Amino acid sequence: MTVDPEKAGVSHLNIIEALAAENIEARPVWKPLHLQPLFEGAAYYRIQRGGVSDDLFRCGLCLASGSSMTEGEQSRVIQVVEQALEFKCAERQQYSR
């Protein structure tokens, strides 16, 4: 999942924190190889400014998943993500009045 902080009012890290507070595992997307110390200075071919992998790393998160997740567990993850987004939207509306 990717999150545009300007549109959502929260970052992917805020959503990860909200999920962690409910004991739901989530994490940032893997760091691209060209950003890891081992590959520092290695040839890197960009297809666009910043590259797709950079954008995914900057705003992406991996949600709890698995073939054994029940619909109830999936709904719980969805609910916490929705609450994190709704809380920030309500907070922005309150301050814009």
PDB file of N, CA and C in Angstrom:
ATOM      1  N   MET A   1       0.854  -1.150   0.000  1.00  0.00           N
ATOM      2  CA  MET A   1       0.000   0.000   0.000  1.00  0.00           C
ATOM      3  C   MET A   1       0.906   1.219   0.000  1.00  0.00           C
ATOM      4  N   THR A   2       0.534   2.248  -0.789  1.00  0.00           N
ATOM      5  CA  THR A   2       1.276   3.502  -0.749  1.00  0.00           C
ATOM      6  C   THR A   2       0.384   4.603  -0.198  1.00  0.00           C
ATOM      7  N   VAL A   3       1.011   5.566   0.451  1.00  0.00           N
ATOM      8  CA  VAL A   3       0.284   6.665   1.080  1.00  0.00           C
ATOM      9  C   VAL A   3       0.890   7.984   0.610  1.00  0.00           C
ATOM     10  N   ASP A   4       0.058   8.840   0.057  1.00  0.00           N
ATOM     11  CA  ASP A   4       0.495  10.187  -0.303  1.00  0.00           C
ATOM     12  C   ASP A   4       0.213  11.069   0.908  1.00  0.00           C
ATOM     13  N   PRO A   5       1.247  11.467   1.654  1.00  0.00           N
ATOM     14  CA  PRO A   5       1.019  12.217   2.889  1.00  0.00           C
ATOM     15  C   PRO A   5       0.300  13.543   2.676  1.00  0.00           C
ATOM     16  N   GLU A   6       0.501  14.162   1.528  1.00  0.00           N
ATOM     17  CA  GLU A   6      -0.173  15.437   1.266  1.00  0.00           C
ATOM     18  C   GLU A   6      -1.681  15.247   1.131  1.00  0.00           C
ATOM     19  N   LYS A   7      -2.095  14.160   0.494  1.00  0.00           N
ATOM     20  CA  LYS A   7      -3.525  13.898   0.313  1.00  0.00           C
ATOM     21  C   LYS A   7      -4.143  13.248   1.545  1.00  0.00           C
ATOM     22  N   ALA A   8      -3.408  12.331   2.171  1.00  0.00           N
ATOM     23  CA  ALA A   8      -3.956  11.565   3.297  1.00  0.00           C
ATOM     24  C   ALA A   8      -3.855  12.309   4.626  1.00  0.00           C
ATOM     25  N   GLY A   9      -2.897  13.211   4.732  1.00  0.00           N
ATOM     26  CA  GLY A   9      -2.700  13.903   6.003  1.00  0.00           C
ATOM     27  C   GLY A   9      -1.882  13.102   6.997  1.00  0.00           C
ATOM     28  N   VAL A  10      -1.514  11.899   6.624  1.00  0.00           N
ATOM     29  CA  VAL A  10      -0.659  11.038   7.442  1.00  0.00           C
ATOM     30  C   VAL A  10       0.373  10.386   6.530  1.00  0.00           C
ATOM     31  N   SER A  11       1.463   9.942   7.128  1.00  0.00           N
ATOM     32  CA  SER A  11       2.480   9.236   6.354  1.00  0.00           C
ATOM     33  C   SER A  11       2.299   7.729   6.518  1.00  0.00           C
ATOM     34  N   HIS A  12       3.027   6.989   5.715  1.00  0.00           N
ATOM     35  CA  HIS A  12       2.991   5.530   5.857  1.00  0.00           C
ATOM     36  C   HIS A  12       3.474   5.120   7.245  1.00  0.00           C
ATOM     37  N   LEU A  13       4.403   5.874   7.816  1.00  0.00           N
ATOM     38  CA  LEU A  13       4.906   5.552   9.156  1.00  0.00           C
ATOM     39  C   LEU A  13       3.850   5.785  10.229  1.00  0.00           C
ATOM     40  N   ASN A  14       3.005   6.804  10.049  1.00  0.00           N
ATOM     41  CA  ASN A  14       1.900   7.031  10.996  1.00  0.00           C
ATOM     42  C   ASN A  14       0.941   5.848  10.993  1.00  0.00           C
ATOM     43  N   ILE A  15       0.667   5.308   9.819  1.00  0.00           N
ATOM     44  CA  ILE A  15      -0.241   4.159   9.721  1.00  0.00           C
ATOM     45  C   ILE A  15       0.401   2.925  10.346  1.00  0.00           C
ATOM     46  N   ILE A  16       1.693   2.739  10.123  1.00  0.00           N
ATOM     47  CA  ILE A  16       2.401   1.619  10.748  1.00  0.00           C
ATOM     48  C   ILE A  16       2.315   1.730  12.271  1.00  0.00           C
ATOM     49  N   GLU A  17       2.482   2.939  12.808  1.00  0.00           N
ATOM     50  CA  GLU A  17       2.378   3.157  14.259  1.00  0.00           C
ATOM     51  C   GLU A  17       0.975   2.844  14.770  1.00  0.00           C
ATOM     52  N   ALA A  18      -0.052   3.264  14.027  1.00  0.00           N
ATOM     53  CA  ALA A  18      -1.439   2.990  14.432  1.00  0.00           C
ATOM     54  C   ALA A  18      -1.700   1.488  14.452  1.00  0.00           C
ATOM     55  N   LEU A  19      -1.187   0.781  13.467  1.00  0.00           N
ATOM     56  CA  LEU A  19      -1.354  -0.671  13.419  1.00  0.00           C
ATOM     57  C   LEU A  19      -0.598  -1.333  14.578  1.00  0.00           C
ATOM     58  N   ALA A  20       0.615  -0.880  14.843  1.00  0.00           N
ATOM     59  CA  ALA A  20       1.415  -1.452  15.936  1.00  0.00           C
ATOM     60  C   ALA A  20       0.721  -1.262  17.282  1.00  0.00           C
ATOM     61  N   ALA A  21       0.056  -0.127  17.455  1.00  0.00           N
ATOM     62  CA  ALA A  21      -0.666   0.137  18.705  1.00  0.00           C
ATOM     63  C   ALA A  21      -1.793  -0.870  18.922  1.00  0.00           C
ATOM     64  N   GLU A  22      -2.251  -1.482  17.840  1.00  0.00           N
ATOM     65  CA  GLU A  22      -3.309  -2.500  17.918  1.00  0.00           C
ATOM     66  C   GLU A  22      -2.742  -3.912  17.757  1.00  0.00           C
ATOM     67  N   ASN A  23      -1.421  -4.035  17.917  1.00  0.00           N
ATOM     68  CA  ASN A  23      -0.727  -5.326  17.778  1.00  0.00           C
ATOM     69  C   ASN A  23      -0.922  -5.956  16.407  1.00  0.00           C
ATOM     70  N   ILE A  24      -0.915  -5.118  15.378  1.00  0.00           N
ATOM     71  CA  ILE A  24      -1.016  -5.590  13.999  1.00  0.00           C
ATOM     72  C   ILE A  24       0.316  -5.299  13.325  1.00  0.00           C
ATOM     73  N   GLU A  25       0.911  -6.334  12.761  1.00  0.00           N
ATOM     74  CA  GLU A  25       2.217  -6.190  12.133  1.00  0.00           C
ATOM     75  C   GLU A  25       2.113  -5.476  10.789  1.00  0.00           C
ATOM     76  N   ALA A  26       2.983  -4.514  10.596  1.00  0.00           N
ATOM     77  CA  ALA A  26       3.139  -3.818   9.318  1.00  0.00           C
ATOM     78  C   ALA A  26       4.553  -3.267   9.310  1.00  0.00           C
ATOM     79  N   ARG A  27       5.073  -2.981   8.147  1.00  0.00           N
ATOM     80  CA  ARG A  27       6.434  -2.452   8.061  1.00  0.00           C
ATOM     81  C   ARG A  27       6.602  -1.657   6.773  1.00  0.00           C
ATOM     82  N   PRO A  28       7.641  -0.831   6.729  1.00  0.00           N
ATOM     83  CA  PRO A  28       7.911  -0.118   5.476  1.00  0.00           C
ATOM     84  C   PRO A  28       8.295  -1.108   4.379  1.00  0.00           C
ATOM     85  N   VAL A  29       8.150  -0.685   3.153  1.00  0.00           N
ATOM     86  CA  VAL A  29       8.589  -1.492   2.011  1.00  0.00           C
ATOM     87  C   VAL A  29      10.110  -1.618   2.089  1.00  0.00           C
ATOM     88  N   TRP A  30      10.652  -2.719   1.562  1.00  0.00           N
ATOM     89  CA  TRP A  30      12.095  -2.931   1.594  1.00  0.00           C
ATOM     90  C   TRP A  30      12.848  -1.772   0.970  1.00  0.00           C
ATOM     91  N   LYS A  31      13.998  -1.496   1.547  1.00  0.00           N
ATOM     92  CA  LYS A  31      14.879  -0.445   1.033  1.00  0.00           C
ATOM     93  C   LYS A  31      15.471  -0.910  -0.299  1.00  0.00           C
ATOM     94  N   PRO A  32      15.380  -0.088  -1.337  1.00  0.00           N
ATOM     95  CA  PRO A  32      15.937  -0.474  -2.642  1.00  0.00           C
ATOM     96  C   PRO A  32      17.440  -0.769  -2.536  1.00  0.00           C
ATOM     97  N   LEU A  33      17.899  -1.700  -3.349  1.00  0.00           N
ATOM     98  CA  LEU A  33      19.305  -2.101  -3.293  1.00  0.00           C
ATOM     99  C   LEU A  33      20.253  -0.928  -3.493  1.00  0.00           C
ATOM    100  N   HIS A  34      19.931  -0.036  -4.421  1.00  0.00           N
ATOM    101  CA  HIS A  34      20.866   1.058  -4.713  1.00  0.00           C
ATOM    102  C   HIS A  34      21.003   2.041  -3.549  1.00  0.00           C
ATOM    103  N   LEU A  35      20.125   1.947  -2.546  1.00  0.00           N
ATOM    104  CA  LEU A  35      20.214   2.813  -1.370  1.00  0.00           C
ATOM    105  C   LEU A  35      20.915   2.128  -0.194  1.00  0.00           C
ATOM    106  N   GLN A  36      21.230   0.853  -0.334  1.00  0.00           N
ATOM    107  CA  GLN A  36      21.868   0.116   0.749  1.00  0.00           C
ATOM    108  C   GLN A  36      23.383   0.297   0.695  1.00  0.00           C
ATOM    109  N   PRO A  37      24.020   0.374   1.867  1.00  0.00           N
ATOM    110  CA  PRO A  37      25.465   0.639   1.926  1.00  0.00           C
ATOM    111  C   PRO A  37      26.311  -0.301   1.063  1.00  0.00           C
ATOM    112  N   LEU A  38      25.954  -1.565   0.992  1.00  0.00           N
ATOM    113  CA  LEU A  38      26.727  -2.531   0.214  1.00  0.00           C
ATOM    114  C   LEU A  38      26.827  -2.128  -1.252  1.00  0.00           C
ATOM    115  N   PHE A  39      25.792  -1.490  -1.772  1.00  0.00           N
ATOM    116  CA  PHE A  39      25.755  -1.143  -3.190  1.00  0.00           C
ATOM    117  C   PHE A  39      26.021   0.336  -3.454  1.00  0.00           C
ATOM    118  N   GLU A  40      26.466   1.049  -2.431  1.00  0.00           N
ATOM    119  CA  GLU A  40      26.788   2.461  -2.599  1.00  0.00           C
ATOM    120  C   GLU A  40      27.873   2.606  -3.671  1.00  0.00           C
ATOM    121  N   GLY A  41      27.618   3.427  -4.636  1.00  0.00           N
ATOM    122  CA  GLY A  41      28.577   3.646  -5.714  1.00  0.00           C
ATOM    123  C   GLY A  41      28.429   2.682  -6.878  1.00  0.00           C
ATOM    124  N   ALA A  42      27.570   1.680  -6.767  1.00  0.00           N
ATOM    125  CA  ALA A  42      27.353   0.742  -7.874  1.00  0.00           C
ATOM    126  C   ALA A  42      26.528   1.418  -8.966  1.00  0.00           C
ATOM    127  N   ALA A  43      26.653   0.917 -10.179  1.00  0.00           N
ATOM    128  CA  ALA A  43      25.884   1.473 -11.301  1.00  0.00           C
ATOM    129  C   ALA A  43      24.393   1.361 -11.006  1.00  0.00           C
ATOM    130  N   TYR A  44      23.692   2.413 -11.321  1.00  0.00           N
ATOM    131  CA  TYR A  44      22.253   2.467 -11.049  1.00  0.00           C
ATOM    132  C   TYR A  44      21.603   3.174 -12.220  1.00  0.00           C
ATOM    133  N   TYR A  45      20.652   2.532 -12.843  1.00  0.00           N
ATOM    134  CA  TYR A  45      20.005   3.079 -14.024  1.00  0.00           C
ATOM    135  C   TYR A  45      18.604   3.544 -13.683  1.00  0.00           C
ATOM    136  N   ARG A  46      18.395   4.835 -13.746  1.00  0.00           N
ATOM    137  CA  ARG A  46      17.086   5.406 -13.441  1.00  0.00           C
ATOM    138  C   ARG A  46      16.223   5.402 -14.690  1.00  0.00           C
ATOM    139  N   ILE A  47      14.951   5.077 -14.515  1.00  0.00           N
ATOM    140  CA  ILE A  47      14.032   5.173 -15.646  1.00  0.00           C
ATOM    141  C   ILE A  47      13.259   6.480 -15.602  1.00  0.00           C
ATOM    142  N   GLN A  48      13.304   7.140 -14.469  1.00  0.00           N
ATOM    143  CA  GLN A  48      12.690   8.452 -14.309  1.00  0.00           C
ATOM    144  C   GLN A  48      13.329   9.107 -13.095  1.00  0.00           C
ATOM    145  N   ARG A  49      13.069  10.375 -12.925  1.00  0.00           N
ATOM    146  CA  ARG A  49      13.656  11.084 -11.787  1.00  0.00           C
ATOM    147  C   ARG A  49      13.209  10.411 -10.487  1.00  0.00           C
ATOM    148  N   GLY A  50      14.157  10.011  -9.674  1.00  0.00           N
ATOM    149  CA  GLY A  50      13.828   9.374  -8.409  1.00  0.00           C
ATOM    150  C   GLY A  50      13.609   7.877  -8.521  1.00  0.00           C
ATOM    151  N   GLY A  51      13.013   7.432  -9.582  1.00  0.00           N
ATOM    152  CA  GLY A  51      12.782   6.017  -9.780  1.00  0.00           C
ATOM    153  C   GLY A  51      11.587   5.482  -9.013  1.00  0.00           C
ATOM    154  N   VAL A  52      11.020   4.431  -9.527  1.00  0.00           N
ATOM    155  CA  VAL A  52       9.841   3.810  -8.921  1.00  0.00           C
ATOM    156  C   VAL A  52      10.169   3.249  -7.543  1.00  0.00           C
ATOM    157  N   SER A  53      11.309   2.574  -7.428  1.00  0.00           N
ATOM    158  CA  SER A  53      11.658   1.962  -6.141  1.00  0.00           C
ATOM    159  C   SER A  53      11.846   3.017  -5.054  1.00  0.00           C
ATOM    160  N   ASP A  54      12.394   4.179  -5.422  1.00  0.00           N
ATOM    161  CA  ASP A  54      12.549   5.261  -4.446  1.00  0.00           C
ATOM    162  C   ASP A  54      11.187   5.733  -3.950  1.00  0.00           C
ATOM    163  N   ASP A  55      10.243   5.894  -4.867  1.00  0.00           N
ATOM    164  CA  ASP A  55       8.897   6.341  -4.491  1.00  0.00           C
ATOM    165  C   ASP A  55       8.200   5.320  -3.594  1.00  0.00           C
ATOM    166  N   LEU A  56       8.316   4.046  -3.940  1.00  0.00           N
ATOM    167  CA  LEU A  56       7.693   3.004  -3.116  1.00  0.00           C
ATOM    168  C   LEU A  56       8.300   2.976  -1.716  1.00  0.00           C
ATOM    169  N   PHE A  57       9.610   3.124  -1.627  1.00  0.00           N
ATOM    170  CA  PHE A  57      10.273   3.116  -0.322  1.00  0.00           C
ATOM    171  C   PHE A  57       9.868   4.332   0.502  1.00  0.00           C
ATOM    172  N   ARG A  58       9.699   5.462  -0.145  1.00  0.00           N
ATOM    173  CA  ARG A  58       9.374   6.715   0.538  1.00  0.00           C
ATOM    174  C   ARG A  58       7.964   6.703   1.112  1.00  0.00           C
ATOM    175  N   CYS A  59       7.014   6.019   0.455  1.00  0.00           N
ATOM    176  CA  CYS A  59       5.624   6.129   0.920  1.00  0.00           C
ATOM    177  C   CYS A  59       4.881   4.793   0.990  1.00  0.00           C
ATOM    178  N   GLY A  60       5.597   3.686   0.890  1.00  0.00           N
ATOM    179  CA  GLY A  60       4.928   2.386   0.886  1.00  0.00           C
ATOM    180  C   GLY A  60       5.009   1.652   2.209  1.00  0.00           C
ATOM    181  N   LEU A  61       4.012   0.815   2.451  1.00  0.00           N
ATOM    182  CA  LEU A  61       4.039  -0.054   3.620  1.00  0.00           C
ATOM    183  C   LEU A  61       3.476  -1.414   3.255  1.00  0.00           C
ATOM    184  N   CYS A  62       3.973  -2.410   3.956  1.00  0.00           N
ATOM    185  CA  CYS A  62       3.489  -3.777   3.788  1.00  0.00           C
ATOM    186  C   CYS A  62       2.552  -4.072   4.948  1.00  0.00           C
ATOM    187  N   LEU A  63       1.325  -4.396   4.618  1.00  0.00           N
ATOM    188  CA  LEU A  63       0.319  -4.704   5.631  1.00  0.00           C
ATOM    189  C   LEU A  63       0.412  -6.164   6.045  1.00  0.00           C
ATOM    190  N   ALA A  64      -0.135  -6.463   7.211  1.00  0.00           N
ATOM    191  CA  ALA A  64      -0.231  -7.845   7.657  1.00  0.00           C
ATOM    192  C   ALA A  64      -0.960  -8.637   6.579  1.00  0.00           C
ATOM    193  N   SER A  65      -0.448  -9.823   6.284  1.00  0.00           N
ATOM    194  CA  SER A  65      -1.082 -10.636   5.246  1.00  0.00           C
ATOM    195  C   SER A  65      -0.725 -12.100   5.466  1.00  0.00           C
ATOM    196  N   GLY A  66      -1.376 -12.930   4.741  1.00  0.00           N
ATOM    197  CA  GLY A  66      -1.095 -14.353   4.813  1.00  0.00           C
ATOM    198  C   GLY A  66      -2.298 -15.143   4.344  1.00  0.00           C
ATOM    199  N   SER A  67      -2.038 -16.312   3.808  1.00  0.00           N
ATOM    200  CA  SER A  67      -3.130 -17.128   3.279  1.00  0.00           C
ATOM    201  C   SER A  67      -4.045 -17.648   4.383  1.00  0.00           C
ATOM    202  N   SER A  68      -3.581 -17.605   5.631  1.00  0.00           N
ATOM    203  CA  SER A  68      -4.410 -18.106   6.729  1.00  0.00           C
ATOM    204  C   SER A  68      -5.189 -16.997   7.445  1.00  0.00           C
ATOM    205  N   MET A  69      -5.067 -15.757   6.973  1.00  0.00           N
ATOM    206  CA  MET A  69      -5.824 -14.664   7.613  1.00  0.00           C
ATOM    207  C   MET A  69      -7.312 -14.858   7.374  1.00  0.00           C
ATOM    208  N   THR A  70      -8.065 -14.702   8.429  1.00  0.00           N
ATOM    209  CA  THR A  70      -9.520 -14.806   8.294  1.00  0.00           C
ATOM    210  C   THR A  70     -10.072 -13.471   7.791  1.00  0.00           C
ATOM    211  N   GLU A  71     -11.314 -13.489   7.342  1.00  0.00           N
ATOM    212  CA  GLU A  71     -11.949 -12.244   6.912  1.00  0.00           C
ATOM    213  C   GLU A  71     -12.053 -11.273   8.086  1.00  0.00           C
ATOM    214  N   GLY A  72     -12.266 -11.792   9.280  1.00  0.00           N
ATOM    215  CA  GLY A  72     -12.331 -10.948  10.467  1.00  0.00           C
ATOM    216  C   GLY A  72     -11.007 -10.241  10.734  1.00  0.00           C
ATOM    217  N   GLU A  73      -9.908 -10.969  10.573  1.00  0.00           N
ATOM    218  CA  GLU A  73      -8.583 -10.367  10.757  1.00  0.00           C
ATOM    219  C   GLU A  73      -8.310  -9.314   9.683  1.00  0.00           C
ATOM    220  N   GLN A  74      -8.707  -9.622   8.461  1.00  0.00           N
ATOM    221  CA  GLN A  74      -8.546  -8.648   7.374  1.00  0.00           C
ATOM    222  C   GLN A  74      -9.361  -7.391   7.669  1.00  0.00           C
ATOM    223  N   SER A  75     -10.573  -7.578   8.141  1.00  0.00           N
ATOM    224  CA  SER A  75     -11.440  -6.438   8.464  1.00  0.00           C
ATOM    225  C   SER A  75     -10.840  -5.586   9.573  1.00  0.00           C
ATOM    226  N   ARG A  76     -10.204  -6.223  10.532  1.00  0.00           N
ATOM    227  CA  ARG A  76      -9.569  -5.487  11.633  1.00  0.00           C
ATOM    228  C   ARG A  76      -8.429  -4.609  11.114  1.00  0.00           C
ATOM    229  N   VAL A  77      -7.615  -5.143  10.218  1.00  0.00           N
ATOM    230  CA  VAL A  77      -6.528  -4.360   9.619  1.00  0.00           C
ATOM    231  C   VAL A  77      -7.113  -3.173   8.859  1.00  0.00           C
ATOM    232  N   ILE A  78      -8.121  -3.423   8.051  1.00  0.00           N
ATOM    233  CA  ILE A  78      -8.771  -2.361   7.275  1.00  0.00           C
ATOM    234  C   ILE A  78      -9.339  -1.295   8.202  1.00  0.00           C
ATOM    235  N   GLN A  79      -9.984  -1.724   9.272  1.00  0.00           N
ATOM    236  CA  GLN A  79     -10.601  -0.790  10.217  1.00  0.00           C
ATOM    237  C   GLN A  79      -9.558   0.131  10.853  1.00  0.00           C
ATOM    238  N   VAL A  80      -8.426  -0.411  11.251  1.00  0.00           N
ATOM    239  CA  VAL A  80      -7.389   0.409  11.887  1.00  0.00           C
ATOM    240  C   VAL A  80      -6.805   1.407  10.888  1.00  0.00           C
ATOM    241  N   VAL A  81      -6.589   0.977   9.653  1.00  0.00           N
ATOM    242  CA  VAL A  81      -6.087   1.898   8.621  1.00  0.00           C
ATOM    243  C   VAL A  81      -7.108   3.006   8.384  1.00  0.00           C
ATOM    244  N   GLU A  82      -8.371   2.632   8.246  1.00  0.00           N
ATOM    245  CA  GLU A  82      -9.423   3.638   8.038  1.00  0.00           C
ATOM    246  C   GLU A  82      -9.483   4.616   9.209  1.00  0.00           C
ATOM    247  N   GLN A  83      -9.375   4.110  10.430  1.00  0.00           N
ATOM    248  CA  GLN A  83      -9.420   4.983  11.610  1.00  0.00           C
ATOM    249  C   GLN A  83      -8.249   5.959  11.618  1.00  0.00           C
ATOM    250  N   ALA A  84      -7.069   5.488  11.240  1.00  0.00           N
ATOM    251  CA  ALA A  84      -5.895   6.370  11.200  1.00  0.00           C
ATOM    252  C   ALA A  84      -6.108   7.488  10.188  1.00  0.00           C
ATOM    253  N   LEU A  85      -6.703   7.158   9.055  1.00  0.00           N
ATOM    254  CA  LEU A  85      -6.964   8.167   8.027  1.00  0.00           C
ATOM    255  C   LEU A  85      -8.098   9.097   8.442  1.00  0.00           C
ATOM    256  N   GLU A  86      -9.161   8.548   9.000  1.00  0.00           N
ATOM    257  CA  GLU A  86     -10.307   9.364   9.411  1.00  0.00           C
ATOM    258  C   GLU A  86      -9.942  10.306  10.548  1.00  0.00           C
ATOM    259  N   PHE A  87      -9.132   9.843  11.493  1.00  0.00           N
ATOM    260  CA  PHE A  87      -8.723  10.685  12.616  1.00  0.00           C
ATOM    261  C   PHE A  87      -7.990  11.911  12.099  1.00  0.00           C
ATOM    262  N   LYS A  88      -7.090  11.700  11.160  1.00  0.00           N
ATOM    263  CA  LYS A  88      -6.323  12.821  10.630  1.00  0.00           C
ATOM    264  C   LYS A  88      -7.224  13.752   9.835  1.00  0.00           C
ATOM    265  N   CYS A  89      -8.165  13.211   9.070  1.00  0.00           N
ATOM    266  CA  CYS A  89      -9.098  14.053   8.307  1.00  0.00           C
ATOM    267  C   CYS A  89      -9.949  14.891   9.254  1.00  0.00           C
ATOM    268  N   ALA A  90     -10.445  14.286  10.329  1.00  0.00           N
ATOM    269  CA  ALA A  90     -11.269  15.014  11.303  1.00  0.00           C
ATOM    270  C   ALA A  90     -10.437  16.088  11.992  1.00  0.00           C
ATOM    271  N   GLU A  91      -9.191  15.767  12.290  1.00  0.00           N
ATOM    272  CA  GLU A  91      -8.300  16.728  12.934  1.00  0.00           C
ATOM    273  C   GLU A  91      -8.056  17.927  12.017  1.00  0.00           C
ATOM    274  N   ARG A  92      -7.845  17.665  10.727  1.00  0.00           N
ATOM    275  CA  ARG A  92      -7.623  18.766   9.775  1.00  0.00           C
ATOM    276  C   ARG A  92      -8.860  19.634   9.643  1.00  0.00           C
ATOM    277  N   GLN A  93     -10.043  19.019   9.625  1.00  0.00           N
ATOM    278  CA  GLN A  93     -11.286  19.787   9.507  1.00  0.00           C
ATOM    279  C   GLN A  93     -11.489  20.665  10.732  1.00  0.00           C
ATOM    280  N   GLN A  94     -11.146  20.154  11.900  1.00  0.00           N
ATOM    281  CA  GLN A  94     -11.302  20.909  13.141  1.00  0.00           C
ATOM    282  C   GLN A  94     -10.424  22.159  13.115  1.00  0.00           C
ATOM    283  N   TYR A  95      -9.193  22.029  12.642  1.00  0.00           N
ATOM    284  CA  TYR A  95      -8.268  23.167  12.635  1.00  0.00           C
ATOM    285  C   TYR A  95      -8.532  24.133  11.488  1.00  0.00           C
ATOM    286  N   SER A  96      -9.267  23.709  10.479  1.00  0.00           N
ATOM    287  CA  SER A  96      -9.529  24.600   9.344  1.00  0.00           C
ATOM    288  C   SER A  96     -10.750  25.480   9.580  1.00  0.00           C
ATOM    289  N   ARG A  97     -11.448  25.269  10.678  1.00  0.00           N
ATOM    290  CA  ARG A  97     -12.646  26.069  10.975  1.00  0.00           C
ATOM    291  C   ARG A  97     -12.290  27.403  11.548  1.00  0.00           C
TER     292      ARG A  97
END
